[in-house]
Protein backbone atom coordinates (compact mmCIF):
# COMPACT_ATOMS: atom_id res chain seq x y z
CA MET A 1 81.38 30.24 86.38
CA ASP A 2 77.79 29.36 86.59
CA TYR A 3 75.95 25.73 86.06
CA VAL A 4 73.33 23.78 85.98
CA GLU A 5 72.61 19.98 86.30
CA GLU A 6 69.73 18.52 84.76
CA ASP A 7 69.48 14.63 84.93
CA GLU A 8 72.58 13.44 82.90
CA GLN A 9 74.02 16.85 81.60
CA ILE A 10 75.40 19.70 82.97
CA ILE A 11 75.25 23.15 81.37
CA ILE A 12 77.68 25.22 82.25
CA ARG A 13 78.09 29.48 81.39
CA LEU A 14 82.01 30.76 81.48
CA ASP A 15 82.52 34.54 81.86
CA PRO A 16 84.91 37.05 80.71
CA GLY A 17 88.60 36.19 81.94
CA GLU A 18 87.91 33.08 83.18
CA GLN A 19 90.08 29.54 81.92
CA VAL A 20 88.17 27.12 80.17
CA LEU A 21 90.34 24.45 81.24
CA ASP A 22 91.09 25.52 84.80
CA SER A 23 87.62 26.07 85.37
CA LEU A 24 86.53 22.33 83.73
CA GLU A 25 88.71 21.17 85.88
CA THR A 26 87.15 22.85 89.08
CA LEU A 27 83.97 21.51 88.37
CA ARG A 28 84.64 17.96 87.78
CA ASP A 29 86.41 18.12 90.96
CA ASP A 30 83.71 19.65 92.83
CA LEU A 31 80.69 17.39 90.70
CA ASP A 32 83.27 14.33 90.80
CA ILE A 33 82.74 13.93 86.71
CA GLU A 34 84.20 10.37 86.22
CA ASN A 35 82.83 9.97 82.58
CA GLY A 36 81.68 12.67 80.02
CA PHE A 37 81.55 14.30 76.68
CA LEU A 38 81.46 17.90 76.43
CA THR A 39 80.69 20.11 73.43
CA GLY A 40 80.38 23.92 73.21
CA ILE A 41 80.97 27.67 71.51
CA GLY A 42 81.75 30.67 72.38
CA ALA A 43 84.42 33.43 72.13
CA VAL A 44 88.32 33.72 73.30
CA ASP A 45 90.66 36.34 73.09
CA THR A 46 93.94 33.51 73.99
CA VAL A 47 94.04 29.59 72.57
CA THR A 48 97.04 27.53 72.85
CA LEU A 49 96.36 25.05 70.17
CA GLY A 50 98.38 21.83 69.60
CA HIS A 51 99.10 19.37 67.26
CA TYR A 52 100.55 15.98 67.90
CA ASP A 53 103.02 13.84 65.97
CA VAL A 54 102.91 10.48 65.93
CA ASP A 55 106.03 9.40 64.36
CA GLU A 56 107.90 11.69 66.86
CA GLN A 57 105.47 11.14 69.70
CA GLU A 58 105.24 15.04 70.81
CA TYR A 59 103.28 18.10 70.55
CA MET A 60 103.97 21.56 68.96
CA GLU A 61 102.10 24.01 70.74
CA GLU A 62 101.28 27.66 69.84
CA LYS A 63 99.30 30.43 71.74
CA PHE A 64 97.59 32.78 69.52
CA THR A 65 96.04 35.90 70.63
CA GLY A 66 92.84 38.02 69.49
CA GLN A 67 89.51 38.64 69.13
CA PHE A 68 88.35 34.77 68.47
CA GLU A 69 84.89 33.32 67.79
CA VAL A 70 85.22 29.49 69.36
CA THR A 71 82.76 27.44 66.03
CA SER A 72 83.74 24.28 67.88
CA PHE A 73 85.02 22.79 71.09
CA LEU A 74 84.36 19.08 71.47
CA GLY A 75 86.12 16.45 74.54
CA ASN A 76 86.00 14.63 77.36
CA ILE A 77 86.18 14.75 80.58
CA GLY A 78 87.25 11.67 83.04
CA PRO A 79 88.46 11.88 86.40
CA ASP A 80 92.34 11.71 85.34
CA LYS A 81 92.20 14.23 82.08
CA ILE A 82 90.07 16.55 80.24
CA HIS A 83 91.45 16.40 76.79
CA THR A 84 89.45 19.11 74.18
CA HIS A 85 89.90 19.85 70.66
CA ILE A 86 88.79 23.53 69.71
CA GLN A 87 88.33 25.75 66.25
CA VAL A 88 88.08 29.20 66.03
CA ALA A 89 87.47 31.22 63.70
CA THR A 90 89.37 35.07 63.20
CA ARG A 91 87.64 38.56 62.05
CA GLU A 92 88.81 37.57 58.38
CA PHE A 93 86.80 34.30 58.77
CA GLU A 94 89.96 32.32 59.03
CA SER A 95 89.55 29.18 60.71
CA LEU A 96 92.78 27.57 63.32
CA GLY A 97 91.81 24.77 65.16
CA GLY A 98 93.97 21.68 67.33
CA HIS A 99 94.20 20.01 70.75
CA CYS A 100 93.07 22.53 73.00
CA SER A 101 95.83 23.15 75.59
CA GLY A 102 94.20 26.64 77.32
CA ALA A 103 91.95 29.22 76.14
CA ARG A 104 90.34 32.87 78.24
CA VAL A 105 87.39 33.24 77.69
CA SER A 106 86.82 37.26 75.64
CA GLY A 107 82.57 37.44 76.30
CA THR A 108 80.94 34.25 76.83
CA PHE A 109 81.48 30.16 76.76
CA GLU A 110 79.06 27.93 76.86
CA VAL A 111 79.37 24.12 77.80
CA ILE A 112 77.14 20.85 78.12
CA ILE A 113 78.57 17.61 79.54
CA THR A 114 76.34 14.90 79.06
CA ARG A 115 77.58 11.86 81.51
CA GLY A 116 78.25 8.24 80.59
CA GLU A 117 78.25 5.22 82.39
CA THR A 118 81.89 3.91 82.04
CA PRO A 119 84.51 5.64 83.77
CA LEU A 120 86.57 7.76 81.47
CA THR A 121 90.72 6.82 82.56
CA HIS A 122 93.38 6.86 80.50
CA GLN A 123 96.44 4.70 79.80
CA LEU A 124 99.59 4.98 77.88
CA ASP A 125 99.52 3.86 74.37
CA GLU A 126 103.32 2.42 73.47
CA GLN A 127 102.27 2.43 70.17
CA THR A 128 101.11 6.37 69.53
CA GLY A 129 102.72 7.83 73.12
CA LEU A 130 99.50 8.88 73.42
CA ASP A 131 96.97 8.81 76.65
CA VAL A 132 94.05 6.52 75.13
CA PHE A 133 90.91 5.20 77.22
CA ASP A 134 91.25 2.52 79.40
CA ILE A 135 88.52 0.38 78.26
């Protein structure tokens, strides 16, 4: 992983074999990031997607392997949590997407974190069972 800090942004490049979320957690801890939103693109060869059932208050997850283009990677980063969603495309140009629980870089992965001012800590929302912003 390489990165550059610019004013309120951090520009990151992940290399083949790196785990996306583990790398972002390391960077968050090293740079003491408490508030930010992220976006990215790249290529992965494994991705774990999740979908949350609000009625049952549980995640369903499935791991996919293959060669995927990351067409969208979005999320937020706070001191207690990194929450990301990802959309990937197959060689047949079919899309898969959902909550990102894990992804491994196959080619490159480029992310920009934009820092904010409000710490993005989370608290449990009893109605949905989700950890939501404590603002």
